[in-house]
PDB file of N, CA and C in Angstrom:
ATOM      1  N   UNK A   1      -8.303  11.919   6.475  1.00  0.00           N
ATOM      2  CA  UNK A   1      -7.228  11.445   6.775  1.00  0.00           C
ATOM      3  C   UNK A   1      -5.803  12.131   6.227  1.00  0.00           C
ATOM      4  N   UNK A   2      -4.761  12.142   7.052  1.00  0.00           N
ATOM      5  CA  UNK A   2      -3.505  12.852   6.593  1.00  0.00           C
ATOM      6  C   UNK A   2      -2.466  12.051   6.457  1.00  0.00           C
ATOM      7  N   UNK A   3      -1.484  11.983   5.724  1.00  0.00           N
ATOM      8  CA  UNK A   3      -0.393  11.050   5.503  1.00  0.00           C
ATOM      9  C   UNK A   3       0.636  11.764   6.464  1.00  0.00           C
ATOM     10  N   UNK A   4       1.169  10.842   7.544  1.00  0.00           N
ATOM     11  CA  UNK A   4       2.008  11.339   8.312  1.00  0.00           C
ATOM     12  C   UNK A   4       3.436  10.486   8.270  1.00  0.00           C
ATOM     13  N   UNK A   5       4.540  11.272   8.411  1.00  0.00           N
ATOM     14  CA  UNK A   5       5.920  10.403   8.277  1.00  0.00           C
ATOM     15  C   UNK A   5       6.635  10.875   9.468  1.00  0.00           C
ATOM     16  N   UNK A   6       6.192  11.712  10.370  1.00  0.00           N
ATOM     17  CA  UNK A   6       6.903  11.951  11.859  1.00  0.00           C
ATOM     18  C   UNK A   6       6.893  10.949  12.624  1.00  0.00           C
ATOM     19  N   UNK A   7       7.976  10.133  12.917  1.00  0.00           N
ATOM     20  CA  UNK A   7       7.968   9.128  13.839  1.00  0.00           C
ATOM     21  C   UNK A   7       7.322   9.579  15.300  1.00  0.00           C
ATOM     22  N   UNK A   8       7.690  10.747  15.710  1.00  0.00           N
ATOM     23  CA  UNK A   8       7.125  10.885  17.054  1.00  0.00           C
ATOM     24  C   UNK A   8       5.620  11.053  16.978  1.00  0.00           C
ATOM     25  N   UNK A   9       5.103  11.615  15.975  1.00  0.00           N
ATOM     26  CA  UNK A   9       3.676  11.643  15.802  1.00  0.00           C
ATOM     27  C   UNK A   9       2.926  10.259  15.629  1.00  0.00           C
ATOM     28  N   UNK A  10       3.618   9.353  14.753  1.00  0.00           N
ATOM     29  CA  UNK A  10       3.129   7.997  14.490  1.00  0.00           C
ATOM     30  C   UNK A  10       3.126   7.267  15.878  1.00  0.00           C
ATOM     31  N   UNK A  11       4.024   7.624  16.956  1.00  0.00           N
ATOM     32  CA  UNK A  11       4.048   6.816  18.085  1.00  0.00           C
ATOM     33  C   UNK A  11       3.250   7.540  19.183  1.00  0.00           C
ATOM     34  N   UNK A  12       2.765   8.939  18.899  1.00  0.00           N
ATOM     35  CA  UNK A  12       1.994   9.493  19.904  1.00  0.00           C
ATOM     36  C   UNK A  12       0.668   8.936  20.122  1.00  0.00           C
ATOM     37  N   UNK A  13       0.370   8.434  21.279  1.00  0.00           N
ATOM     38  CA  UNK A  13      -1.123   8.064  21.669  1.00  0.00           C
ATOM     39  C   UNK A  13      -2.123   8.962  21.434  1.00  0.00           C
ATOM     40  N   UNK A  14      -1.704  10.389  21.524  1.00  0.00           N
ATOM     41  CA  UNK A  14      -2.787  11.361  21.243  1.00  0.00           C
ATOM     42  C   UNK A  14      -3.281  11.600  19.741  1.00  0.00           C
ATOM     43  N   UNK A  15      -2.581  10.979  18.794  1.00  0.00           N
ATOM     44  CA  UNK A  15      -2.635  10.845  17.761  1.00  0.00           C
ATOM     45  C   UNK A  15      -3.298   9.562  17.276  1.00  0.00           C
ATOM     46  N   UNK A  16      -4.709   9.715  16.756  1.00  0.00           N
ATOM     47  CA  UNK A  16      -5.328   8.645  16.097  1.00  0.00           C
ATOM     48  C   UNK A  16      -4.932   8.272  14.790  1.00  0.00           C
ATOM     49  N   UNK A  17      -4.496   7.054  14.483  1.00  0.00           N
ATOM     50  CA  UNK A  17      -4.160   6.495  13.302  1.00  0.00           C
ATOM     51  C   UNK A  17      -5.166   5.698  12.770  1.00  0.00           C
ATOM     52  N   UNK A  18      -5.316   5.761  11.333  1.00  0.00           N
ATOM     53  CA  UNK A  18      -6.155   4.938  10.549  1.00  0.00           C
ATOM     54  C   UNK A  18      -5.512   3.960   9.595  1.00  0.00           C
ATOM     55  N   UNK A  19      -5.947   2.822   9.319  1.00  0.00           N
ATOM     56  CA  UNK A  19      -5.685   1.864   8.297  1.00  0.00           C
ATOM     57  C   UNK A  19      -6.818   1.632   7.377  1.00  0.00           C
ATOM     58  N   UNK A  20      -6.544   1.730   6.188  1.00  0.00           N
ATOM     59  CA  UNK A  20      -7.558   1.671   5.170  1.00  0.00           C
ATOM     60  C   UNK A  20      -7.428   0.349   4.060  1.00  0.00           C
ATOM     61  N   UNK A  21      -8.376   0.033   3.506  1.00  0.00           N
ATOM     62  CA  UNK A  21      -8.382  -0.774   2.235  1.00  0.00           C
ATOM     63  C   UNK A  21      -8.204  -0.133   1.194  1.00  0.00           C
ATOM     64  N   UNK A  22      -8.218  -0.997   0.309  1.00  0.00           N
ATOM     65  CA  UNK A  22      -7.796  -0.429  -1.338  1.00  0.00           C
ATOM     66  C   UNK A  22      -8.720   0.647  -1.854  1.00  0.00           C
ATOM     67  N   UNK A  23     -10.071   0.581  -1.217  1.00  0.00           N
ATOM     68  CA  UNK A  23     -11.023   1.511  -1.543  1.00  0.00           C
ATOM     69  C   UNK A  23     -11.267   2.638  -0.486  1.00  0.00           C
ATOM     70  N   UNK A  24     -10.290   2.778   0.340  1.00  0.00           N
ATOM     71  CA  UNK A  24     -10.313   3.931   1.470  1.00  0.00           C
ATOM     72  C   UNK A  24     -11.407   3.608   2.431  1.00  0.00           C
ATOM     73  N   UNK A  25     -11.861   2.358   2.742  1.00  0.00           N
ATOM     74  CA  UNK A  25     -12.674   2.176   3.799  1.00  0.00           C
ATOM     75  C   UNK A  25     -11.925   1.838   4.916  1.00  0.00           C
ATOM     76  N   UNK A  26     -12.289   2.390   6.107  1.00  0.00           N
ATOM     77  CA  UNK A  26     -11.489   2.215   7.296  1.00  0.00           C
ATOM     78  C   UNK A  26     -11.472   0.700   7.546  1.00  0.00           C
ATOM     79  N   UNK A  27     -10.232   0.293   8.045  1.00  0.00           N
ATOM     80  CA  UNK A  27     -10.163  -1.161   8.631  1.00  0.00           C
ATOM     81  C   UNK A  27     -10.086  -1.197   9.953  1.00  0.00           C
ATOM     82  N   UNK A  28      -9.313  -0.072  10.524  1.00  0.00           N
ATOM     83  CA  UNK A  28      -9.164  -0.072  12.057  1.00  0.00           C
ATOM     84  C   UNK A  28      -8.704   1.419  12.349  1.00  0.00           C
ATOM     85  N   UNK A  29      -8.818   1.884  13.481  1.00  0.00           N
ATOM     86  CA  UNK A  29      -8.411   3.038  13.965  1.00  0.00           C
ATOM     87  C   UNK A  29      -7.691   2.581  15.376  1.00  0.00           C
ATOM     88  N   UNK A  30      -6.681   3.501  15.687  1.00  0.00           N
ATOM     89  CA  UNK A  30      -5.940   2.963  16.983  1.00  0.00           C
ATOM     90  C   UNK A  30      -4.893   4.164  17.388  1.00  0.00           C
ATOM     91  N   UNK A  31      -4.622   4.134  18.763  1.00  0.00           N
ATOM     92  CA  UNK A  31      -3.886   5.323  19.206  1.00  0.00           C
ATOM     93  C   UNK A  31      -2.425   4.714  18.838  1.00  0.00           C
ATOM     94  N   UNK A  32      -2.250   3.280  18.787  1.00  0.00           N
ATOM     95  CA  UNK A  32      -0.818   2.824  18.625  1.00  0.00           C
ATOM     96  C   UNK A  32      -0.360   3.009  17.122  1.00  0.00           C
ATOM     97  N   UNK A  33       0.750   2.715  16.711  1.00  0.00           N
ATOM     98  CA  UNK A  33       1.203   2.819  15.467  1.00  0.00           C
ATOM     99  C   UNK A  33       0.705   1.720  14.700  1.00  0.00           C
ATOM    100  N   UNK A  34      -0.146   1.819  13.642  1.00  0.00           N
ATOM    101  CA  UNK A  34      -0.752   0.808  12.647  1.00  0.00           C
ATOM    102  C   UNK A  34      -0.448   1.182  11.322  1.00  0.00           C
ATOM    103  N   UNK A  35      -0.093   0.457  10.506  1.00  0.00           N
ATOM    104  CA  UNK A  35       0.467  -0.894  10.772  1.00  0.00           C
ATOM    105  C   UNK A  35       1.697  -0.922  11.628  1.00  0.00           C
ATOM    106  N   UNK A  36       1.703  -2.060  12.413  1.00  0.00           N
ATOM    107  CA  UNK A  36       2.905  -2.177  13.140  1.00  0.00           C
ATOM    108  C   UNK A  36       4.350  -2.153  12.397  1.00  0.00           C
ATOM    109  N   UNK A  37       5.286  -1.398  12.598  1.00  0.00           N
ATOM    110  CA  UNK A  37       6.668  -1.414  11.712  1.00  0.00           C
ATOM    111  C   UNK A  37       7.376  -2.661  11.750  1.00  0.00           C
ATOM    112  N   UNK A  38       7.090  -3.988  11.626  1.00  0.00           N
ATOM    113  CA  UNK A  38       7.638  -5.040  11.681  1.00  0.00           C
ATOM    114  C   UNK A  38       8.895  -4.941  10.691  1.00  0.00           C
ATOM    115  N   UNK A  39       8.327  -4.626   9.461  1.00  0.00           N
ATOM    116  CA  UNK A  39       9.150  -4.542   8.205  1.00  0.00           C
ATOM    117  C   UNK A  39       9.169  -3.250   7.687  1.00  0.00           C
ATOM    118  N   UNK A  40      10.322  -2.602   7.711  1.00  0.00           N
ATOM    119  CA  UNK A  40      10.261  -1.025   7.211  1.00  0.00           C
ATOM    120  C   UNK A  40      10.437  -0.902   5.749  1.00  0.00           C
ATOM    121  N   UNK A  41      10.614  -1.970   5.100  1.00  0.00           N
ATOM    122  CA  UNK A  41      10.928  -1.797   3.653  1.00  0.00           C
ATOM    123  C   UNK A  41       9.731  -2.248   2.835  1.00  0.00           C
ATOM    124  N   UNK A  42       8.544  -2.164   3.117  1.00  0.00           N
ATOM    125  CA  UNK A  42       7.553  -2.596   2.594  1.00  0.00           C
ATOM    126  C   UNK A  42       6.612  -1.669   1.932  1.00  0.00           C
ATOM    127  N   UNK A  43       6.885  -0.312   2.196  1.00  0.00           N
ATOM    128  CA  UNK A  43       6.295   0.910   1.699  1.00  0.00           C
ATOM    129  C   UNK A  43       4.824   1.266   2.513  1.00  0.00           C
ATOM    130  N   UNK A  44       4.707   0.662   3.589  1.00  0.00           N
ATOM    131  CA  UNK A  44       3.442   0.807   4.378  1.00  0.00           C
ATOM    132  C   UNK A  44       3.733   2.609   4.846  1.00  0.00           C
ATOM    133  N   UNK A  45       2.158   3.059   4.771  1.00  0.00           N
ATOM    134  CA  UNK A  45       2.190   4.388   5.001  1.00  0.00           C
ATOM    135  C   UNK A  45       1.256   4.444   6.252  1.00  0.00           C
ATOM    136  N   UNK A  46       1.571   5.732   6.981  1.00  0.00           N
ATOM    137  CA  UNK A  46       0.701   6.063   8.123  1.00  0.00           C
ATOM    138  C   UNK A  46      -0.278   7.210   7.816  1.00  0.00           C
ATOM    139  N   UNK A  47      -1.309   7.090   8.410  1.00  0.00           N
ATOM    140  CA  UNK A  47      -2.336   7.910   8.272  1.00  0.00           C
ATOM    141  C   UNK A  47      -2.951   8.568   9.557  1.00  0.00           C
ATOM    142  N   UNK A  48      -3.095   9.841   9.728  1.00  0.00           N
ATOM    143  CA  UNK A  48      -3.775  10.464  11.089  1.00  0.00           C
ATOM    144  C   UNK A  48      -5.161  10.599  10.786  1.00  0.00           C
ATOM    145  N   UNK A  49      -5.991   9.996  11.588  1.00  0.00           N
ATOM    146  CA  UNK A  49      -7.650  10.258  11.346  1.00  0.00           C
ATOM    147  C   UNK A  49      -7.908  11.651  11.892  1.00  0.00           C
ATOM    148  N   UNK A  50      -8.537  12.294  10.943  1.00  0.00           N
ATOM    149  CA  UNK A  50      -8.774  13.783  11.186  1.00  0.00           C
ATOM    150  C   UNK A  50     -10.217  14.148  12.081  1.00  0.00           C
ATOM    151  N   UNK A  51     -10.989  12.957  12.117  1.00  0.00           N
ATOM    152  CA  UNK A  51     -12.214  13.058  12.805  1.00  0.00           C
ATOM    153  C   UNK A  51     -13.381  14.208  12.597  1.00  0.00           C
ATOM    154  N   UNK A  52     -13.360  14.527  10.896  1.00  0.00           N
ATOM    155  CA  UNK A  52     -14.453  15.189  10.527  1.00  0.00           C
ATOM    156  C   UNK A  52     -15.595  14.172  10.105  1.00  0.00           C
ATOM    157  N   UNK A  53     -16.885  14.168  10.622  1.00  0.00           N
ATOM    158  CA  UNK A  53     -17.734  13.291  10.299  1.00  0.00           C
ATOM    159  C   UNK A  53     -18.938  13.729   9.432  1.00  0.00           C
ATOM    160  N   UNK A  54     -19.485  12.988   8.748  1.00  0.00           N
ATOM    161  CA  UNK A  54     -20.677  13.373   8.110  1.00  0.00           C
ATOM    162  C   UNK A  54     -21.754  12.148   8.218  1.00  0.00           C
ATOM    163  N   UNK A  55     -23.011  12.427   8.825  1.00  0.00           N
ATOM    164  CA  UNK A  55     -23.959  11.492   9.106  1.00  0.00           C
ATOM    165  C   UNK A  55     -25.294  12.038   8.703  1.00  0.00           C
ATOM    166  N   UNK A  56     -26.089  10.857   8.143  1.00  0.00           N
ATOM    167  CA  UNK A  56     -27.288  11.375   8.009  1.00  0.00           C
ATOM    168  C   UNK A  56     -28.072  11.235   9.224  1.00  0.00           C
ATOM    169  N   UNK A  57     -29.202  11.890   9.382  1.00  0.00           N
ATOM    170  CA  UNK A  57     -29.827  11.751  10.800  1.00  0.00           C
ATOM    171  C   UNK A  57     -30.285  10.381  11.348  1.00  0.00           C
ATOM    172  N   UNK A  58     -30.615   9.549  10.561  1.00  0.00           N
ATOM    173  CA  UNK A  58     -30.956   8.382  11.047  1.00  0.00           C
ATOM    174  C   UNK A  58     -29.624   7.508  11.378  1.00  0.00           C
ATOM    175  N   UNK A  59     -28.477   7.666  10.634  1.00  0.00           N
ATOM    176  CA  UNK A  59     -27.228   7.110  11.120  1.00  0.00           C
ATOM    177  C   UNK A  59     -26.775   7.633  12.462  1.00  0.00           C
ATOM    178  N   UNK A  60     -27.058   8.871  12.835  1.00  0.00           N
ATOM    179  CA  UNK A  60     -26.637   9.472  14.119  1.00  0.00           C
ATOM    180  C   UNK A  60     -27.358   8.863  15.157  1.00  0.00           C
ATOM    181  N   UNK A  61     -28.562   8.654  14.901  1.00  0.00           N
ATOM    182  CA  UNK A  61     -29.451   8.189  15.736  1.00  0.00           C
ATOM    183  C   UNK A  61     -29.095   6.645  16.202  1.00  0.00           C
ATOM    184  N   UNK A  62     -29.032   6.045  15.011  1.00  0.00           N
ATOM    185  CA  UNK A  62     -28.311   4.656  15.177  1.00  0.00           C
ATOM    186  C   UNK A  62     -27.086   4.585  16.137  1.00  0.00           C
ATOM    187  N   UNK A  63     -26.324   5.266  15.681  1.00  0.00           N
ATOM    188  CA  UNK A  63     -24.955   5.403  16.559  1.00  0.00           C
ATOM    189  C   UNK A  63     -25.183   5.412  17.883  1.00  0.00           C
ATOM    190  N   UNK A  64     -26.109   6.672  18.314  1.00  0.00           N
ATOM    191  CA  UNK A  64     -26.255   7.017  19.673  1.00  0.00           C
ATOM    192  C   UNK A  64     -26.798   5.686  20.402  1.00  0.00           C
ATOM    193  N   UNK A  65     -27.816   4.799  19.723  1.00  0.00           N
ATOM    194  CA  UNK A  65     -28.395   3.997  20.390  1.00  0.00           C
ATOM    195  C   UNK A  65     -27.715   2.754  20.389  1.00  0.00           C
ATOM    196  N   UNK A  66     -26.467   2.432  19.693  1.00  0.00           N
ATOM    197  CA  UNK A  66     -25.401   1.187  19.932  1.00  0.00           C
ATOM    198  C   UNK A  66     -24.679   1.337  21.235  1.00  0.00           C
ATOM    199  N   UNK A  67     -24.608   0.354  21.980  1.00  0.00           N
ATOM    200  CA  UNK A  67     -23.800   0.191  23.097  1.00  0.00           C
ATOM    201  C   UNK A  67     -22.511   0.170  22.725  1.00  0.00           C
ATOM    202  N   UNK A  68     -21.700   1.068  23.648  1.00  0.00           N
ATOM    203  CA  UNK A  68     -20.059   0.793  23.461  1.00  0.00           C
ATOM    204  C   UNK A  68     -19.736  -0.622  23.573  1.00  0.00           C
ATOM    205  N   UNK A  69     -18.742  -1.068  22.514  1.00  0.00           N
ATOM    206  CA  UNK A  69     -18.444  -2.486  22.862  1.00  0.00           C
ATOM    207  C   UNK A  69     -16.919  -2.486  23.116  1.00  0.00           C
ATOM    208  N   UNK A  70     -15.853  -3.599  23.591  1.00  0.00           N
ATOM    209  CA  UNK A  70     -14.767  -3.438  24.082  1.00  0.00           C
ATOM    210  C   UNK A  70     -13.782  -2.694  23.386  1.00  0.00           C
ATOM    211  N   UNK A  71     -13.529  -2.830  21.953  1.00  0.00           N
ATOM    212  CA  UNK A  71     -12.504  -2.189  21.402  1.00  0.00           C
ATOM    213  C   UNK A  71     -12.553  -0.655  21.311  1.00  0.00           C
ATOM    214  N   UNK A  72     -14.011  -0.255  21.410  1.00  0.00           N
ATOM    215  CA  UNK A  72     -13.954   1.230  21.503  1.00  0.00           C
ATOM    216  C   UNK A  72     -13.552   1.805  22.938  1.00  0.00           C
ATOM    217  N   UNK A  73     -14.070   0.852  23.783  1.00  0.00           N
ATOM    218  CA  UNK A  73     -13.846   1.139  25.279  1.00  0.00           C
ATOM    219  C   UNK A  73     -12.398   1.138  25.555  1.00  0.00           C
ATOM    220  N   UNK A  74     -11.618   0.129  24.908  1.00  0.00           N
ATOM    221  CA  UNK A  74     -10.190   0.290  25.110  1.00  0.00           C
ATOM    222  C   UNK A  74      -9.304   1.371  24.477  1.00  0.00           C
ATOM    223  N   UNK A  75      -9.632   1.723  23.287  1.00  0.00           N
ATOM    224  CA  UNK A  75      -9.188   2.824  22.526  1.00  0.00           C
ATOM    225  C   UNK A  75      -9.530   4.217  22.872  1.00  0.00           C
ATOM    226  N   UNK A  76     -10.701   4.335  23.254  1.00  0.00           N
ATOM    227  CA  UNK A  76     -11.157   5.454  23.396  1.00  0.00           C
ATOM    228  C   UNK A  76     -11.541   6.263  22.091  1.00  0.00           C
ATOM    229  N   UNK A  77     -11.881   5.701  20.991  1.00  0.00           N
ATOM    230  CA  UNK A  77     -12.022   6.272  19.745  1.00  0.00           C
ATOM    231  C   UNK A  77     -13.538   5.785  19.240  1.00  0.00           C
ATOM    232  N   UNK A  78     -14.351   6.803  19.444  1.00  0.00           N
ATOM    233  CA  UNK A  78     -15.856   6.396  19.064  1.00  0.00           C
ATOM    234  C   UNK A  78     -16.093   5.935  17.624  1.00  0.00           C
ATOM    235  N   UNK A  79     -15.354   6.098  16.619  1.00  0.00           N
ATOM    236  CA  UNK A  79     -15.661   5.705  15.308  1.00  0.00           C
ATOM    237  C   UNK A  79     -15.430   4.057  15.131  1.00  0.00           C
ATOM    238  N   UNK A  80     -14.712   3.677  16.200  1.00  0.00           N
ATOM    239  CA  UNK A  80     -14.668   2.009  16.265  1.00  0.00           C
ATOM    240  C   UNK A  80     -15.911   1.361  16.455  1.00  0.00           C
ATOM    241  N   UNK A  81     -16.897   2.020  17.109  1.00  0.00           N
ATOM    242  CA  UNK A  81     -18.108   1.481  17.444  1.00  0.00           C
ATOM    243  C   UNK A  81     -18.648   1.188  16.077  1.00  0.00           C
ATOM    244  N   UNK A  82     -18.528   1.642  14.980  1.00  0.00           N
ATOM    245  CA  UNK A  82     -19.262   1.625  13.642  1.00  0.00           C
ATOM    246  C   UNK A  82     -18.720   0.126  13.265  1.00  0.00           C
ATOM    247  N   UNK A  83     -17.257   0.163  13.364  1.00  0.00           N
ATOM    248  CA  UNK A  83     -16.514  -1.066  12.914  1.00  0.00           C
ATOM    249  C   UNK A  83     -16.760  -2.195  13.601  1.00  0.00           C
ATOM    250  N   UNK A  84     -17.069  -2.143  14.865  1.00  0.00           N
ATOM    251  CA  UNK A  84     -17.484  -3.368  15.736  1.00  0.00           C
ATOM    252  C   UNK A  84     -18.853  -3.857  15.383  1.00  0.00           C
ATOM    253  N   UNK A  85     -19.677  -3.020  14.860  1.00  0.00           N
ATOM    254  CA  UNK A  85     -21.058  -3.250  14.504  1.00  0.00           C
ATOM    255  C   UNK A  85     -21.267  -3.740  12.955  1.00  0.00           C
ATOM    256  N   UNK A  86     -19.998  -3.851  12.290  1.00  0.00           N
ATOM    257  CA  UNK A  86     -19.935  -4.047  10.840  1.00  0.00           C
ATOM    258  C   UNK A  86     -20.407  -3.108   9.928  1.00  0.00           C
ATOM    259  N   UNK A  87     -20.387  -1.882  10.296  1.00  0.00           N
ATOM    260  CA  UNK A  87     -20.717  -0.803   9.591  1.00  0.00           C
ATOM    261  C   UNK A  87     -19.292  -0.185   8.772  1.00  0.00           C
ATOM    262  N   UNK A  88     -19.414   0.396   7.493  1.00  0.00           N
ATOM    263  CA  UNK A  88     -18.271   0.978   6.915  1.00  0.00           C
ATOM    264  C   UNK A  88     -18.048   2.314   6.991  1.00  0.00           C
ATOM    265  N   UNK A  89     -16.758   2.887   7.181  1.00  0.00           N
ATOM    266  CA  UNK A  89     -16.459   4.303   7.184  1.00  0.00           C
ATOM    267  C   UNK A  89     -15.716   4.593   6.121  1.00  0.00           C
ATOM    268  N   UNK A  90     -16.051   5.481   5.136  1.00  0.00           N
ATOM    269  CA  UNK A  90     -15.337   5.704   3.752  1.00  0.00           C
ATOM    270  C   UNK A  90     -14.100   7.005   4.434  1.00  0.00           C
ATOM    271  N   UNK A  91     -13.078   6.712   4.240  1.00  0.00           N
ATOM    272  CA  UNK A  91     -12.206   7.824   4.504  1.00  0.00           C
ATOM    273  C   UNK A  91     -11.653   8.556   3.259  1.00  0.00           C
ATOM    274  N   UNK A  92     -11.411   9.821   3.439  1.00  0.00           N
ATOM    275  CA  UNK A  92     -10.819  10.613   2.382  1.00  0.00           C
ATOM    276  C   UNK A  92      -9.525  11.314   2.691  1.00  0.00           C
ATOM    277  N   UNK A  93      -8.450  11.285   1.857  1.00  0.00           N
ATOM    278  CA  UNK A  93      -7.282  11.723   2.126  1.00  0.00           C
ATOM    279  C   UNK A  93      -7.165  13.284   1.723  1.00  0.00           C
ATOM    280  N   UNK A  94      -6.608  13.959   2.661  1.00  0.00           N
ATOM    281  CA  UNK A  94      -6.484  15.239   2.488  1.00  0.00           C
ATOM    282  C   UNK A  94      -5.093  15.809   2.761  1.00  0.00           C
ATOM    283  N   UNK A  95      -4.538  16.887   2.405  1.00  0.00           N
ATOM    284  CA  UNK A  95      -3.240  17.507   2.871  1.00  0.00           C
ATOM    285  C   UNK A  95      -3.485  18.564   3.837  1.00  0.00           C
ATOM    286  N   UNK A  96      -4.777  18.833   4.220  1.00  0.00           N
ATOM    287  CA  UNK A  96      -5.035  20.032   5.353  1.00  0.00           C
ATOM    288  C   UNK A  96      -4.676  19.459   6.847  1.00  0.00           C
ATOM    289  N   UNK A  97      -3.837  20.026   7.289  1.00  0.00           N
ATOM    290  CA  UNK A  97      -3.482  19.672   8.632  1.00  0.00           C
ATOM    291  C   UNK A  97      -4.275  20.096   9.768  1.00  0.00           C
ATOM    292  N   UNK A  98      -4.662  21.537   9.767  1.00  0.00           N
ATOM    293  CA  UNK A  98      -5.494  21.975  10.777  1.00  0.00           C
ATOM    294  C   UNK A  98      -4.912  21.945  12.001  1.00  0.00           C
ATOM    295  N   UNK A  99      -5.592  22.455  13.170  1.00  0.00           N
ATOM    296  CA  UNK A  99      -5.279  22.498  14.536  1.00  0.00           C
ATOM    297  C   UNK A  99      -5.994  21.400  15.210  1.00  0.00           C
ATOM    298  N   UNK A 100      -5.501  20.756  15.957  1.00  0.00           N
ATOM    299  CA  UNK A 100      -6.025  19.652  16.963  1.00  0.00           C
ATOM    300  C   UNK A 100      -5.859  20.097  18.317  1.00  0.00           C
ATOM    301  N   UNK A 101      -6.798  19.871  18.974  1.00  0.00           N
ATOM    302  CA  UNK A 101      -6.830  20.344  20.449  1.00  0.00           C
ATOM    303  C   UNK A 101      -7.093  18.888  21.116  1.00  0.00           C
ATOM    304  N   UNK A 102      -6.214  18.072  21.707  1.00  0.00           N
ATOM    305  CA  UNK A 102      -6.612  16.924  22.546  1.00  0.00           C
ATOM    306  C   UNK A 102      -5.898  16.995  23.843  1.00  0.00           C
ATOM    307  N   UNK A 103      -4.953  17.830  24.133  1.00  0.00           N
ATOM    308  CA  UNK A 103      -4.334  17.931  25.463  1.00  0.00           C
ATOM    309  C   UNK A 103      -4.260  19.251  25.580  1.00  0.00           C
ATOM    310  N   UNK A 104      -4.193  19.505  27.013  1.00  0.00           N
ATOM    311  CA  UNK A 104      -3.776  20.978  27.540  1.00  0.00           C
ATOM    312  C   UNK A 104      -2.678  21.764  26.785  1.00  0.00           C
ATOM    313  N   UNK A 105      -1.777  21.025  26.324  1.00  0.00           N
ATOM    314  CA  UNK A 105      -0.494  21.596  25.485  1.00  0.00           C
ATOM    315  C   UNK A 105      -0.839  21.855  24.283  1.00  0.00           C
ATOM    316  N   UNK A 106      -1.852  21.065  23.580  1.00  0.00           N
ATOM    317  CA  UNK A 106      -2.323  21.487  22.408  1.00  0.00           C
ATOM    318  C   UNK A 106      -2.999  22.756  22.397  1.00  0.00           C
ATOM    319  N   UNK A 107      -3.882  22.871  23.441  1.00  0.00           N
ATOM    320  CA  UNK A 107      -4.682  24.060  23.667  1.00  0.00           C
ATOM    321  C   UNK A 107      -3.695  25.401  23.558  1.00  0.00           C
ATOM    322  N   UNK A 108      -2.741  25.190  24.506  1.00  0.00           N
ATOM    323  CA  UNK A 108      -1.702  26.353  24.459  1.00  0.00           C
ATOM    324  C   UNK A 108      -1.157  26.831  23.055  1.00  0.00           C
ATOM    325  N   UNK A 109      -0.774  25.635  22.392  1.00  0.00           N
ATOM    326  CA  UNK A 109      -0.281  25.787  21.000  1.00  0.00           C
ATOM    327  C   UNK A 109      -1.319  26.502  20.077  1.00  0.00           C
ATOM    328  N   UNK A 110      -2.321  26.198  20.188  1.00  0.00           N
ATOM    329  CA  UNK A 110      -3.651  26.723  19.592  1.00  0.00           C
ATOM    330  C   UNK A 110      -3.715  28.103  19.813  1.00  0.00           C
ATOM    331  N   UNK A 111      -3.379  28.553  21.114  1.00  0.00           N
ATOM    332  CA  UNK A 111      -3.878  30.009  21.543  1.00  0.00           C
ATOM    333  C   UNK A 111      -2.900  30.896  20.682  1.00  0.00           C
ATOM    334  N   UNK A 112      -1.493  30.190  20.940  1.00  0.00           N
ATOM    335  CA  UNK A 112      -0.286  31.149  20.291  1.00  0.00           C
ATOM    336  C   UNK A 112      -0.623  31.194  18.693  1.00  0.00           C
ATOM    337  N   UNK A 113      -1.075  30.270  18.161  1.00  0.00           N
ATOM    338  CA  UNK A 113      -1.240  30.284  16.670  1.00  0.00           C
ATOM    339  C   UNK A 113      -2.191  31.231  16.309  1.00  0.00           C
ATOM    340  N   UNK A 114      -3.234  31.324  17.323  1.00  0.00           N
ATOM    341  CA  UNK A 114      -4.551  32.221  17.145  1.00  0.00           C
ATOM    342  C   UNK A 114      -4.217  33.575  17.126  1.00  0.00           C
ATOM    343  N   UNK A 115      -3.071  33.801  17.964  1.00  0.00           N
ATOM    344  CA  UNK A 115      -2.574  35.293  18.097  1.00  0.00           C
ATOM    345  C   UNK A 115      -1.912  35.669  16.989  1.00  0.00           C
TER     346      UNK A 115
END
């Protein structure tokens, strides 16, 4: 996960956000701003989910066998499936931004960077 401060990125539904507990286990992923900025003076941080996964073979097979539930179907974020089934996801904070390609516009930006 990467700390984000840009309001446009926080509000962008193509940016998957994650909130974590005190031990950096994921509490929830969303395309909406989480936490909701009801109070702006409490020091809440926003994190972008980078989507780099590490699975043991059996865990990946288990994931494949689990049917999609309503939260994952609603948000279209596959790692929510684990949370809905009571599994934990350890998050790691990084400063590496990388290049994300989620939309045709992102692909065009990536092509320009590649050149």
